[in-house]
C-alpha cells in the first residue's frame, strides 16, 4: 500500500478537478488513500455531471475507512459558476497548495500532486507568485529546487529533462545562469534516475548557445562555465557529457543514449518534451523534502466544464507520485 497521496485541486475554474476525478476513477483498483484538497460539494456535483461514482468522503482523520477523501482548507464556500480566472478561485488554489505541502512536511501525506493554477489570476488576487515550483520551495525552505519534466511516447520511449533555470525571461537567462545552477541540475537529474530505479544515470548537458557556442564564436558560456562544471562532475563519479548542441542532443536522448538531459532554460527543454509527451508529460520537483508531481498542462479555461479534458497527464503524475512513495517507504 502506498499510503496517502494529497492532491491540490488547483484553479477550480479550470480543468484540474475534472482531470483529477477522471484519473482517480482510472486508478480506483489500487489500495492508495487519496486526500483531495478542494470543495466537497463542487466535486460531488462535478462527478455526477461526468457520470463517475467515486465514493468521496469528507475527511476528518486518517483512521477512517474509505479511500477518496476531501478536505477544504479554504474558508469560503465556492460558487459553482465562478468565472474563469476568478480571484476567489485563485485564493482557494493557494490554500489547497499550502495545505498539501504542509501535510507532506508533517509526514501526514506521502506525496503531493498539484493540479494546474493560473499565475496571472493568482497575482491579480493579490498574491505574489512566480509558479508552483517556486512557491513550494519557499514554503519548504529550499532555495534551489530543480524542475524535471518527463514523459513517454506511445511506444514507451522516455524523455527526462531537468532545467538549470525555470521561469525566467529569455533575455535574463545568460546573466542569471550560474555554475551552481548547472551543477545542481546535473546532481538532481542523476539522483532522479536512481529514484526511478534506472540501471544507468547517464546525463547529457545542453549548451546555452546555438551549436553549443561553436568554440566561442556564438558565446563563451560553454567554455567558461558549463564545460568546467561537467568535467568536475565527471571527476566526482557522475556519468555526464556535455555541453552538447541542444538541436541534436534531444534526438540522441530520445533514442535512449542518455537517461536524462539538463537544459539551460525553460523552452529549450520543454519544447522537445511536449513534442514527445504532450498528453502524458509530468512535472516533478527535485530537491524538495517531499515528493511533488503535477500534470504538465495548464488550466485550459476554454474546455473547462465541458467534460472534454484528457486526464492522461494527471494520471501519469499520480502514478509517478505513487511509484516514488513506494520506493521511499
C-alpha atoms as a PDB file:
ATOM      1  CA  UNK A   1       0.000   0.000   0.000  1.00  0.00           C
ATOM      2  CA  UNK A   2       1.331   3.451  -0.897  1.00  0.00           C
ATOM      3  CA  UNK A   3      -0.325   5.324   1.988  1.00  0.00           C
ATOM      4  CA  UNK A   4      -1.686   8.832   1.423  1.00  0.00           C
ATOM      5  CA  UNK A   5      -1.429  10.923  -1.720  1.00  0.00           C
ATOM      6  CA  UNK A   6      -2.598  14.522  -1.320  1.00  0.00           C
ATOM      7  CA  UNK A   7      -3.973  16.224  -4.435  1.00  0.00           C
ATOM      8  CA  UNK A   8      -4.316  20.017  -4.508  1.00  0.00           C
ATOM      9  CA  UNK A   9      -7.116  20.718  -6.990  1.00  0.00           C
ATOM     10  CA  UNK A  10      -5.683  23.979  -8.302  1.00  0.00           C
ATOM     11  CA  UNK A  11      -7.859  26.551 -10.059  1.00  0.00           C
ATOM     12  CA  UNK A  12     -11.372  25.112  -9.927  1.00  0.00           C
ATOM     13  CA  UNK A  13     -12.479  27.244 -12.883  1.00  0.00           C
ATOM     14  CA  UNK A  14     -10.021  25.242 -14.991  1.00  0.00           C
ATOM     15  CA  UNK A  15      -9.811  21.523 -15.736  1.00  0.00           C
ATOM     16  CA  UNK A  16      -7.944  20.483 -12.574  1.00  0.00           C
ATOM     17  CA  UNK A  17     -10.938  18.988 -10.709  1.00  0.00           C
ATOM     18  CA  UNK A  18     -12.157  17.210 -13.847  1.00  0.00           C
ATOM     19  CA  UNK A  19      -8.861  15.545 -14.741  1.00  0.00           C
ATOM     20  CA  UNK A  20      -8.341  14.608 -11.087  1.00  0.00           C
ATOM     21  CA  UNK A  21     -11.665  12.803 -10.798  1.00  0.00           C
ATOM     22  CA  UNK A  22     -11.199  11.080 -14.154  1.00  0.00           C
ATOM     23  CA  UNK A  23      -7.664   9.995 -13.248  1.00  0.00           C
ATOM     24  CA  UNK A  24      -8.764   8.637  -9.871  1.00  0.00           C
ATOM     25  CA  UNK A  25     -11.593   6.713 -11.492  1.00  0.00           C
ATOM     26  CA  UNK A  26      -8.980   5.033 -13.699  1.00  0.00           C
ATOM     27  CA  UNK A  27      -6.762   4.333 -10.654  1.00  0.00           C
ATOM     28  CA  UNK A  28      -9.577   3.042  -8.460  1.00  0.00           C
ATOM     29  CA  UNK A  29      -8.363  -0.572  -8.398  1.00  0.00           C
ATOM     30  CA  UNK A  30      -5.345   0.105  -6.161  1.00  0.00           C
ATOM     31  CA  UNK A  31      -5.315   0.485  -2.375  1.00  0.00           C
ATOM     32  CA  UNK A  32      -3.902   4.001  -2.086  1.00  0.00           C
ATOM     33  CA  UNK A  33      -5.675   6.602   0.054  1.00  0.00           C
ATOM     34  CA  UNK A  34      -6.257   9.961  -1.632  1.00  0.00           C
ATOM     35  CA  UNK A  35      -6.891  13.286   0.057  1.00  0.00           C
ATOM     36  CA  UNK A  36      -8.348  15.809  -2.370  1.00  0.00           C
ATOM     37  CA  UNK A  37      -7.852  19.383  -1.227  1.00  0.00           C
ATOM     38  CA  UNK A  38     -10.828  21.295  -2.519  1.00  0.00           C
ATOM     39  CA  UNK A  39     -14.555  21.905  -2.195  1.00  0.00           C
ATOM     40  CA  UNK A  40     -16.587  18.743  -1.440  1.00  0.00           C
ATOM     41  CA  UNK A  41     -19.909  19.928  -2.866  1.00  0.00           C
ATOM     42  CA  UNK A  42     -18.271  21.173  -6.045  1.00  0.00           C
ATOM     43  CA  UNK A  43     -16.554  17.815  -6.567  1.00  0.00           C
ATOM     44  CA  UNK A  44     -19.724  15.831  -5.932  1.00  0.00           C
ATOM     45  CA  UNK A  45     -21.633  17.936  -8.434  1.00  0.00           C
ATOM     46  CA  UNK A  46     -18.848  17.614 -10.993  1.00  0.00           C
ATOM     47  CA  UNK A  47     -18.560  13.851 -10.741  1.00  0.00           C
ATOM     48  CA  UNK A  48     -22.308  13.465 -11.184  1.00  0.00           C
ATOM     49  CA  UNK A  49     -22.097  15.511 -14.383  1.00  0.00           C
ATOM     50  CA  UNK A  50     -19.149  13.365 -15.536  1.00  0.00           C
ATOM     51  CA  UNK A  51     -21.015  10.141 -14.796  1.00  0.00           C
ATOM     52  CA  UNK A  52     -18.443   8.986 -12.222  1.00  0.00           C
ATOM     53  CA  UNK A  53     -19.145   7.218  -8.948  1.00  0.00           C
ATOM     54  CA  UNK A  54     -16.140   7.681  -6.676  1.00  0.00           C
ATOM     55  CA  UNK A  55     -17.015   7.196  -3.021  1.00  0.00           C
ATOM     56  CA  UNK A  56     -15.971  10.683  -1.921  1.00  0.00           C
ATOM     57  CA  UNK A  57     -15.999  11.263   1.836  1.00  0.00           C
ATOM     58  CA  UNK A  58     -15.387  14.325   3.947  1.00  0.00           C
ATOM     59  CA  UNK A  59     -12.042  13.965   5.707  1.00  0.00           C
ATOM     60  CA  UNK A  60     -11.797  14.081   9.480  1.00  0.00           C
ATOM     61  CA  UNK A  61      -8.964  11.678  10.347  1.00  0.00           C
ATOM     62  CA  UNK A  62      -6.569   9.260   8.698  1.00  0.00           C
ATOM     63  CA  UNK A  63      -8.066   6.328  10.599  1.00  0.00           C
ATOM     64  CA  UNK A  64     -11.418   6.457   8.795  1.00  0.00           C
ATOM     65  CA  UNK A  65     -12.401   3.741   6.357  1.00  0.00           C
ATOM     66  CA  UNK A  66     -12.529   4.666   2.694  1.00  0.00           C
ATOM     67  CA  UNK A  67     -10.078   5.725   0.018  1.00  0.00           C
ATOM     68  CA  UNK A  68     -11.230   9.008  -1.506  1.00  0.00           C
ATOM     69  CA  UNK A  69     -11.442  11.881   0.944  1.00  0.00           C
ATOM     70  CA  UNK A  70     -11.981  15.612   0.522  1.00  0.00           C
ATOM     71  CA  UNK A  71     -10.749  18.367   2.819  1.00  0.00           C
ATOM     72  CA  UNK A  72     -11.360  22.058   2.196  1.00  0.00           C
ATOM     73  CA  UNK A  73      -8.739  24.375   3.757  1.00  0.00           C
ATOM     74  CA  UNK A  74     -10.345  27.444   2.155  1.00  0.00           C
ATOM     75  CA  UNK A  75     -12.734  29.359   4.395  1.00  0.00           C
ATOM     76  CA  UNK A  76     -15.274  30.394   1.751  1.00  0.00           C
ATOM     77  CA  UNK A  77     -17.707  28.036   0.003  1.00  0.00           C
ATOM     78  CA  UNK A  78     -17.176  28.176  -3.748  1.00  0.00           C
ATOM     79  CA  UNK A  79     -19.981  29.008  -6.145  1.00  0.00           C
ATOM     80  CA  UNK A  80     -20.427  26.513  -8.966  1.00  0.00           C
ATOM     81  CA  UNK A  81     -20.484  29.272 -11.595  1.00  0.00           C
ATOM     82  CA  UNK A  82     -17.273  31.174 -10.823  1.00  0.00           C
ATOM     83  CA  UNK A  83     -15.913  32.893 -13.954  1.00  0.00           C
ATOM     84  CA  UNK A  84     -12.620  31.712 -15.450  1.00  0.00           C
ATOM     85  CA  UNK A  85      -9.675  33.141 -13.564  1.00  0.00           C
ATOM     86  CA  UNK A  86     -11.808  34.197 -10.611  1.00  0.00           C
ATOM     87  CA  UNK A  87      -9.889  35.830  -7.753  1.00  0.00           C
ATOM     88  CA  UNK A  88     -11.784  33.624  -5.297  1.00  0.00           C
ATOM     89  CA  UNK A  89     -10.704  30.509  -7.188  1.00  0.00           C
ATOM     90  CA  UNK A  90      -7.120  31.796  -7.256  1.00  0.00           C
ATOM     91  CA  UNK A  91      -7.064  32.323  -3.493  1.00  0.00           C
ATOM     92  CA  UNK A  92      -8.579  28.892  -2.967  1.00  0.00           C
ATOM     93  CA  UNK A  93      -5.890  27.339  -5.179  1.00  0.00           C
ATOM     94  CA  UNK A  94      -3.170  28.822  -2.973  1.00  0.00           C
ATOM     95  CA  UNK A  95      -4.943  27.498   0.142  1.00  0.00           C
ATOM     96  CA  UNK A  96      -5.089  23.998  -1.374  1.00  0.00           C
ATOM     97  CA  UNK A  97      -1.436  24.125  -2.379  1.00  0.00           C
ATOM     98  CA  UNK A  98      -0.298  25.367   1.024  1.00  0.00           C
ATOM     99  CA  UNK A  99      -2.303  22.773   2.926  1.00  0.00           C
ATOM    100  CA  UNK A 100      -0.978  19.923   0.795  1.00  0.00           C
ATOM    101  CA  UNK A 101       2.644  20.968   1.244  1.00  0.00           C
ATOM    102  CA  UNK A 102       2.221  21.392   4.986  1.00  0.00           C
ATOM    103  CA  UNK A 103       0.700  17.931   5.291  1.00  0.00           C
ATOM    104  CA  UNK A 104       3.699  16.469   3.474  1.00  0.00           C
ATOM    105  CA  UNK A 105       6.104  18.371   5.717  1.00  0.00           C
ATOM    106  CA  UNK A 106       4.254  16.992   8.761  1.00  0.00           C
ATOM    107  CA  UNK A 107       4.509  13.486   7.212  1.00  0.00           C
ATOM    108  CA  UNK A 108       0.730  13.209   7.039  1.00  0.00           C
ATOM    109  CA  UNK A 109       0.925  12.578   3.291  1.00  0.00           C
ATOM    110  CA  UNK A 110       3.492  10.618   1.307  1.00  0.00           C
ATOM    111  CA  UNK A 111       3.350  12.830  -1.776  1.00  0.00           C
ATOM    112  CA  UNK A 112       1.665  15.910  -3.191  1.00  0.00           C
ATOM    113  CA  UNK A 113       0.159  16.070  -6.676  1.00  0.00           C
ATOM    114  CA  UNK A 114      -0.795  19.563  -7.802  1.00  0.00           C
ATOM    115  CA  UNK A 115      -3.430  20.383 -10.401  1.00  0.00           C
ATOM    116  CA  UNK A 116      -2.910  23.446 -12.630  1.00  0.00           C
ATOM    117  CA  UNK A 117      -3.200  27.015 -11.406  1.00  0.00           C
ATOM    118  CA  UNK A 118      -3.264  30.280 -13.326  1.00  0.00           C
ATOM    119  CA  UNK A 119      -0.345  32.549 -12.431  1.00  0.00           C
ATOM    120  CA  UNK A 120      -1.972  35.733 -13.717  1.00  0.00           C
ATOM    121  CA  UNK A 121      -5.169  35.085 -11.752  1.00  0.00           C
ATOM    122  CA  UNK A 122      -3.194  34.468  -8.562  1.00  0.00           C
ATOM    123  CA  UNK A 123      -1.183  37.663  -8.980  1.00  0.00           C
ATOM    124  CA  UNK A 124      -4.351  39.652  -9.732  1.00  0.00           C
ATOM    125  CA  UNK A 125      -5.820  38.284  -6.488  1.00  0.00           C
ATOM    126  CA  UNK A 126      -3.018  39.980  -4.545  1.00  0.00           C
ATOM    127  CA  UNK A 127      -0.652  37.040  -4.007  1.00  0.00           C
ATOM    128  CA  UNK A 128       2.957  37.409  -5.292  1.00  0.00           C
ATOM    129  CA  UNK A 129       3.527  34.302  -7.388  1.00  0.00           C
ATOM    130  CA  UNK A 130       6.048  33.003  -9.924  1.00  0.00           C
ATOM    131  CA  UNK A 131       4.980  29.378 -10.146  1.00  0.00           C
ATOM    132  CA  UNK A 132       4.021  26.393  -8.024  1.00  0.00           C
ATOM    133  CA  UNK A 133       7.607  25.111  -8.010  1.00  0.00           C
ATOM    134  CA  UNK A 134       8.944  28.361  -6.588  1.00  0.00           C
ATOM    135  CA  UNK A 135       6.037  28.701  -4.148  1.00  0.00           C
ATOM    136  CA  UNK A 136       6.588  25.213  -2.720  1.00  0.00           C
ATOM    137  CA  UNK A 137      10.350  25.675  -2.473  1.00  0.00           C
ATOM    138  CA  UNK A 138       9.876  28.884  -0.486  1.00  0.00           C
ATOM    139  CA  UNK A 139       7.336  27.240   1.793  1.00  0.00           C
ATOM    140  CA  UNK A 140       9.668  24.281   2.389  1.00  0.00           C
ATOM    141  CA  UNK A 141      12.734  26.491   2.869  1.00  0.00           C
ATOM    142  CA  UNK A 142      14.580  25.022  -0.116  1.00  0.00           C
ATOM    143  CA  UNK A 143      16.293  27.819  -2.077  1.00  0.00           C
ATOM    144  CA  UNK A 144      17.030  25.995  -5.326  1.00  0.00           C
ATOM    145  CA  UNK A 145      14.759  23.147  -6.347  1.00  0.00           C
ATOM    146  CA  UNK A 146      15.133  21.713  -9.837  1.00  0.00           C
ATOM    147  CA  UNK A 147      12.211  21.194 -12.169  1.00  0.00           C
ATOM    148  CA  UNK A 148      12.237  17.931 -14.111  1.00  0.00           C
ATOM    149  CA  UNK A 149       9.752  17.265 -16.888  1.00  0.00           C
ATOM    150  CA  UNK A 150       9.383  13.705 -18.055  1.00  0.00           C
ATOM    151  CA  UNK A 151       7.091  11.652 -20.220  1.00  0.00           C
ATOM    152  CA  UNK A 152       6.892   8.803 -22.684  1.00  0.00           C
ATOM    153  CA  UNK A 153       5.552   8.486 -26.197  1.00  0.00           C
ATOM    154  CA  UNK A 154       3.090   5.870 -27.454  1.00  0.00           C
ATOM    155  CA  UNK A 155       5.975   3.393 -27.900  1.00  0.00           C
ATOM    156  CA  UNK A 156       7.184   3.756 -24.328  1.00  0.00           C
ATOM    157  CA  UNK A 157      10.255   5.879 -25.140  1.00  0.00           C
ATOM    158  CA  UNK A 158      11.020   8.292 -22.288  1.00  0.00           C
ATOM    159  CA  UNK A 159      12.442  11.770 -22.267  1.00  0.00           C
ATOM    160  CA  UNK A 160      13.526  13.264 -18.912  1.00  0.00           C
ATOM    161  CA  UNK A 161      14.608  16.899 -18.781  1.00  0.00           C
ATOM    162  CA  UNK A 162      15.945  18.806 -15.770  1.00  0.00           C
ATOM    163  CA  UNK A 163      16.081  22.596 -16.031  1.00  0.00           C
ATOM    164  CA  UNK A 164      19.056  24.652 -14.860  1.00  0.00           C
ATOM    165  CA  UNK A 165      16.785  27.741 -14.806  1.00  0.00           C
ATOM    166  CA  UNK A 166      12.998  27.816 -14.751  1.00  0.00           C
ATOM    167  CA  UNK A 167      10.655  30.764 -15.184  1.00  0.00           C
ATOM    168  CA  UNK A 168      12.960  33.492 -16.438  1.00  0.00           C
ATOM    169  CA  UNK A 169      12.552  35.899 -19.344  1.00  0.00           C
ATOM    170  CA  UNK A 170      14.858  34.711 -22.102  1.00  0.00           C
ATOM    171  CA  UNK A 171      16.843  37.966 -22.032  1.00  0.00           C
ATOM    172  CA  UNK A 172      17.837  37.247 -18.407  1.00  0.00           C
ATOM    173  CA  UNK A 173      18.896  33.610 -18.782  1.00  0.00           C
ATOM    174  CA  UNK A 174      22.556  34.174 -19.696  1.00  0.00           C
ATOM    175  CA  UNK A 175      23.027  36.712 -16.899  1.00  0.00           C
ATOM    176  CA  UNK A 176      21.397  34.579 -14.197  1.00  0.00           C
ATOM    177  CA  UNK A 177      22.634  31.133 -15.230  1.00  0.00           C
ATOM    178  CA  UNK A 178      25.444  30.088 -12.878  1.00  0.00           C
ATOM    179  CA  UNK A 179      27.799  27.166 -12.470  1.00  0.00           C
ATOM    180  CA  UNK A 180      25.907  26.285  -9.297  1.00  0.00           C
ATOM    181  CA  UNK A 181      22.636  26.045 -11.262  1.00  0.00           C
ATOM    182  CA  UNK A 182      24.181  23.668 -13.783  1.00  0.00           C
ATOM    183  CA  UNK A 183      25.913  21.588 -11.127  1.00  0.00           C
ATOM    184  CA  UNK A 184      22.735  21.220  -9.083  1.00  0.00           C
ATOM    185  CA  UNK A 185      20.690  20.242 -12.142  1.00  0.00           C
ATOM    186  CA  UNK A 186      23.231  17.522 -13.006  1.00  0.00           C
ATOM    187  CA  UNK A 187      23.219  16.168  -9.461  1.00  0.00           C
ATOM    188  CA  UNK A 188      19.431  16.234  -9.180  1.00  0.00           C
ATOM    189  CA  UNK A 189      18.976  14.615 -12.600  1.00  0.00           C
ATOM    190  CA  UNK A 190      21.308  11.753 -11.678  1.00  0.00           C
ATOM    191  CA  UNK A 191      19.531  11.285  -8.348  1.00  0.00           C
ATOM    192  CA  UNK A 192      16.169  11.285 -10.123  1.00  0.00           C
ATOM    193  CA  UNK A 193      17.367   8.424 -12.330  1.00  0.00           C
ATOM    194  CA  UNK A 194      18.337   6.500  -9.186  1.00  0.00           C
ATOM    195  CA  UNK A 195      14.979   7.259  -7.563  1.00  0.00           C
ATOM    196  CA  UNK A 196      13.254   5.897 -10.655  1.00  0.00           C
ATOM    197  CA  UNK A 197      15.232   2.675 -10.332  1.00  0.00           C
ATOM    198  CA  UNK A 198      17.039   3.094 -13.663  1.00  0.00           C
ATOM    199  CA  UNK A 199      20.073   0.898 -14.195  1.00  0.00           C
ATOM    200  CA  UNK A 200      22.100   3.857 -15.512  1.00  0.00           C
ATOM    201  CA  UNK A 201      22.228   7.568 -14.724  1.00  0.00           C
ATOM    202  CA  UNK A 202      23.648   8.894 -17.998  1.00  0.00           C
ATOM    203  CA  UNK A 203      23.159  12.664 -18.042  1.00  0.00           C
ATOM    204  CA  UNK A 204      23.704  14.845 -21.106  1.00  0.00           C
ATOM    205  CA  UNK A 205      24.031  18.621 -20.730  1.00  0.00           C
ATOM    206  CA  UNK A 206      22.855  21.141 -23.320  1.00  0.00           C
ATOM    207  CA  UNK A 207      24.853  24.140 -24.341  1.00  0.00           C
ATOM    208  CA  UNK A 208      23.291  27.545 -23.873  1.00  0.00           C
ATOM    209  CA  UNK A 209      24.100  28.941 -27.315  1.00  0.00           C
ATOM    210  CA  UNK A 210      23.474  27.643 -30.837  1.00  0.00           C
ATOM    211  CA  UNK A 211      25.866  24.783 -31.675  1.00  0.00           C
ATOM    212  CA  UNK A 212      26.981  24.879 -28.002  1.00  0.00           C
ATOM    213  CA  UNK A 213      28.808  28.128 -28.760  1.00  0.00           C
ATOM    214  CA  UNK A 214      30.730  26.850 -31.806  1.00  0.00           C
ATOM    215  CA  UNK A 215      34.070  27.062 -29.992  1.00  0.00           C
ATOM    216  CA  UNK A 216      33.298  30.515 -28.619  1.00  0.00           C
ATOM    217  CA  UNK A 217      32.062  32.028 -31.875  1.00  0.00           C
ATOM    218  CA  UNK A 218      28.445  32.235 -30.676  1.00  0.00           C
ATOM    219  CA  UNK A 219      29.077  32.762 -26.977  1.00  0.00           C
ATOM    220  CA  UNK A 220      31.555  31.571 -24.371  1.00  0.00           C
ATOM    221  CA  UNK A 221      29.292  30.300 -21.559  1.00  0.00           C
ATOM    222  CA  UNK A 222      30.040  26.746 -22.645  1.00  0.00           C
ATOM    223  CA  UNK A 223      33.812  27.257 -22.395  1.00  0.00           C
ATOM    224  CA  UNK A 224      33.902  29.355 -19.241  1.00  0.00           C
ATOM    225  CA  UNK A 225      31.140  27.796 -17.174  1.00  0.00           C
ATOM    226  CA  UNK A 226      29.269  24.728 -18.457  1.00  0.00           C
ATOM    227  CA  UNK A 227      32.192  22.536 -19.557  1.00  0.00           C
ATOM    228  CA  UNK A 228      34.169  23.029 -16.311  1.00  0.00           C
ATOM    229  CA  UNK A 229      31.094  22.017 -14.326  1.00  0.00           C
ATOM    230  CA  UNK A 230      30.620  18.884 -16.444  1.00  0.00           C
ATOM    231  CA  UNK A 231      34.289  17.958 -16.099  1.00  0.00           C
ATOM    232  CA  UNK A 232      34.143  18.449 -12.335  1.00  0.00           C
ATOM    233  CA  UNK A 233      31.023  16.274 -12.117  1.00  0.00           C
ATOM    234  CA  UNK A 234      32.768  13.524 -14.069  1.00  0.00           C
ATOM    235  CA  UNK A 235      35.717  13.734 -11.701  1.00  0.00           C
ATOM    236  CA  UNK A 236      33.289  13.147  -8.827  1.00  0.00           C
ATOM    237  CA  UNK A 237      31.909   9.999 -10.437  1.00  0.00           C
ATOM    238  CA  UNK A 238      28.884  11.248 -12.358  1.00  0.00           C
ATOM    239  CA  UNK A 239      28.227   9.780 -15.801  1.00  0.00           C
ATOM    240  CA  UNK A 240      27.736  13.084 -17.596  1.00  0.00           C
ATOM    241  CA  UNK A 241      28.616  14.506 -21.001  1.00  0.00           C
ATOM    242  CA  UNK A 242      28.430  17.985 -22.477  1.00  0.00           C
ATOM    243  CA  UNK A 243      27.890  20.702 -23.278  1.00  0.00           C
ATOM    244  CA  UNK A 244      26.301  19.444 -26.492  1.00  0.00           C
ATOM    245  CA  UNK A 245      24.230  21.328 -29.074  1.00  0.00           C
ATOM    246  CA  UNK A 246      20.609  21.100 -27.973  1.00  0.00           C
ATOM    247  CA  UNK A 247      19.323  20.709 -31.531  1.00  0.00           C
ATOM    248  CA  UNK A 248      20.984  17.287 -31.812  1.00  0.00           C
ATOM    249  CA  UNK A 249      21.217  16.236 -28.174  1.00  0.00           C
ATOM    250  CA  UNK A 250      17.488  15.639 -27.791  1.00  0.00           C
ATOM    251  CA  UNK A 251      17.477  13.262 -30.753  1.00  0.00           C
ATOM    252  CA  UNK A 252      20.072  11.048 -29.075  1.00  0.00           C
ATOM    253  CA  UNK A 253      18.353  11.251 -25.705  1.00  0.00           C
ATOM    254  CA  UNK A 254      15.036  10.310 -27.277  1.00  0.00           C
ATOM    255  CA  UNK A 255      16.506   7.212 -28.881  1.00  0.00           C
ATOM    256  CA  UNK A 256      17.877   6.109 -25.497  1.00  0.00           C
ATOM    257  CA  UNK A 257      21.542   7.115 -25.482  1.00  0.00           C
ATOM    258  CA  UNK A 258      21.052   9.192 -22.315  1.00  0.00           C
ATOM    259  CA  UNK A 259      18.762   8.755 -19.318  1.00  0.00           C
ATOM    260  CA  UNK A 260      18.268  12.451 -18.585  1.00  0.00           C
ATOM    261  CA  UNK A 261      19.016  15.812 -20.154  1.00  0.00           C
ATOM    262  CA  UNK A 262      19.955  19.045 -18.403  1.00  0.00           C
ATOM    263  CA  UNK A 263      18.565  22.025 -20.333  1.00  0.00           C
ATOM    264  CA  UNK A 264      19.718  25.569 -19.669  1.00  0.00           C
ATOM    265  CA  UNK A 265      16.320  27.279 -19.822  1.00  0.00           C
ATOM    266  CA  UNK A 266      12.609  26.575 -19.844  1.00  0.00           C
ATOM    267  CA  UNK A 267      11.682  26.354 -23.519  1.00  0.00           C
ATOM    268  CA  UNK A 268      14.938  24.677 -24.538  1.00  0.00           C
ATOM    269  CA  UNK A 269      13.879  21.661 -22.501  1.00  0.00           C
ATOM    270  CA  UNK A 270      10.104  21.806 -22.605  1.00  0.00           C
ATOM    271  CA  UNK A 271       9.562  22.187 -26.354  1.00  0.00           C
ATOM    272  CA  UNK A 272      11.029  18.743 -27.202  1.00  0.00           C
ATOM    273  CA  UNK A 273       9.465  17.169 -24.103  1.00  0.00           C
ATOM    274  CA  UNK A 274       5.995  18.340 -25.063  1.00  0.00           C
ATOM    275  CA  UNK A 275       6.525  17.202 -28.633  1.00  0.00           C
ATOM    276  CA  UNK A 276       7.201  13.686 -27.323  1.00  0.00           C
ATOM    277  CA  UNK A 277       4.708  13.508 -24.455  1.00  0.00           C
ATOM    278  CA  UNK A 278       2.232  16.358 -24.645  1.00  0.00           C
ATOM    279  CA  UNK A 279      -0.659  14.340 -23.214  1.00  0.00           C
ATOM    280  CA  UNK A 280       1.354  12.365 -20.627  1.00  0.00           C
ATOM    281  CA  UNK A 281       4.021  14.821 -19.517  1.00  0.00           C
ATOM    282  CA  UNK A 282       4.767  15.119 -15.797  1.00  0.00           C
ATOM    283  CA  UNK A 283       6.360  17.922 -13.801  1.00  0.00           C
ATOM    284  CA  UNK A 284       8.460  16.553 -10.920  1.00  0.00           C
ATOM    285  CA  UNK A 285      10.084  18.982  -8.465  1.00  0.00           C
ATOM    286  CA  UNK A 286      13.504  17.667  -7.462  1.00  0.00           C
ATOM    287  CA  UNK A 287      15.121  18.651  -4.176  1.00  0.00           C
ATOM    288  CA  UNK A 288      12.033  19.264  -2.034  1.00  0.00           C
ATOM    289  CA  UNK A 289      11.826  17.391   1.289  1.00  0.00           C
ATOM    290  CA  UNK A 290       8.694  15.689  -0.051  1.00  0.00           C
ATOM    291  CA  UNK A 291       7.514  14.211  -3.346  1.00  0.00           C
ATOM    292  CA  UNK A 292       5.697  16.651  -5.608  1.00  0.00           C
ATOM    293  CA  UNK A 293       4.431  15.919  -9.109  1.00  0.00           C
ATOM    294  CA  UNK A 294       1.919  17.618 -11.374  1.00  0.00           C
ATOM    295  CA  UNK A 295       0.452  17.285 -14.850  1.00  0.00           C
ATOM    296  CA  UNK A 296       2.345  19.222 -17.481  1.00  0.00           C
ATOM    297  CA  UNK A 297      -0.520  21.367 -18.745  1.00  0.00           C
ATOM    298  CA  UNK A 298      -2.422  24.455 -17.761  1.00  0.00           C
ATOM    299  CA  UNK A 299      -5.923  25.339 -16.640  1.00  0.00           C
ATOM    300  CA  UNK A 300      -7.391  25.102 -20.182  1.00  0.00           C
ATOM    301  CA  UNK A 301     -10.240  27.504 -19.454  1.00  0.00           C
ATOM    302  CA  UNK A 302     -11.557  27.046 -22.984  1.00  0.00           C
ATOM    303  CA  UNK A 303     -12.653  23.457 -22.330  1.00  0.00           C
ATOM    304  CA  UNK A 304     -13.283  23.623 -18.577  1.00  0.00           C
ATOM    305  CA  UNK A 305     -16.712  22.346 -17.595  1.00  0.00           C
ATOM    306  CA  UNK A 306     -17.315  20.622 -20.930  1.00  0.00           C
ATOM    307  CA  UNK A 307     -16.203  17.115 -19.947  1.00  0.00           C
ATOM    308  CA  UNK A 308     -13.594  17.073 -22.715  1.00  0.00           C
ATOM    309  CA  UNK A 309     -10.361  17.243 -20.660  1.00  0.00           C
ATOM    310  CA  UNK A 310      -7.876  14.411 -21.143  1.00  0.00           C
ATOM    311  CA  UNK A 311      -6.752  13.039 -17.745  1.00  0.00           C
ATOM    312  CA  UNK A 312      -3.661  11.233 -19.094  1.00  0.00           C
ATOM    313  CA  UNK A 313      -1.117  13.719 -17.724  1.00  0.00           C
ATOM    314  CA  UNK A 314      -2.782  13.868 -14.299  1.00  0.00           C
ATOM    315  CA  UNK A 315      -2.968  10.085 -14.160  1.00  0.00           C
ATOM    316  CA  UNK A 316       0.731   9.858 -15.048  1.00  0.00           C
ATOM    317  CA  UNK A 317       1.540  12.389 -12.295  1.00  0.00           C
ATOM    318  CA  UNK A 318      -0.419  10.349  -9.754  1.00  0.00           C
ATOM    319  CA  UNK A 319       1.254   7.123 -10.870  1.00  0.00           C
ATOM    320  CA  UNK A 320       4.720   8.651 -10.562  1.00  0.00           C
ATOM    321  CA  UNK A 321       3.903  10.012  -7.096  1.00  0.00           C
ATOM    322  CA  UNK A 322       2.835   6.538  -6.000  1.00  0.00           C
ATOM    323  CA  UNK A 323       5.921   4.918  -7.532  1.00  0.00           C
ATOM    324  CA  UNK A 324       8.255   7.322  -5.751  1.00  0.00           C
ATOM    325  CA  UNK A 325       6.362   6.992  -2.459  1.00  0.00           C
ATOM    326  CA  UNK A 326       6.627   3.204  -2.593  1.00  0.00           C
ATOM    327  CA  UNK A 327      10.359   3.451  -3.267  1.00  0.00           C
ATOM    328  CA  UNK A 328      10.882   5.792  -0.315  1.00  0.00           C
ATOM    329  CA  UNK A 329       8.875   3.621   2.077  1.00  0.00           C
END
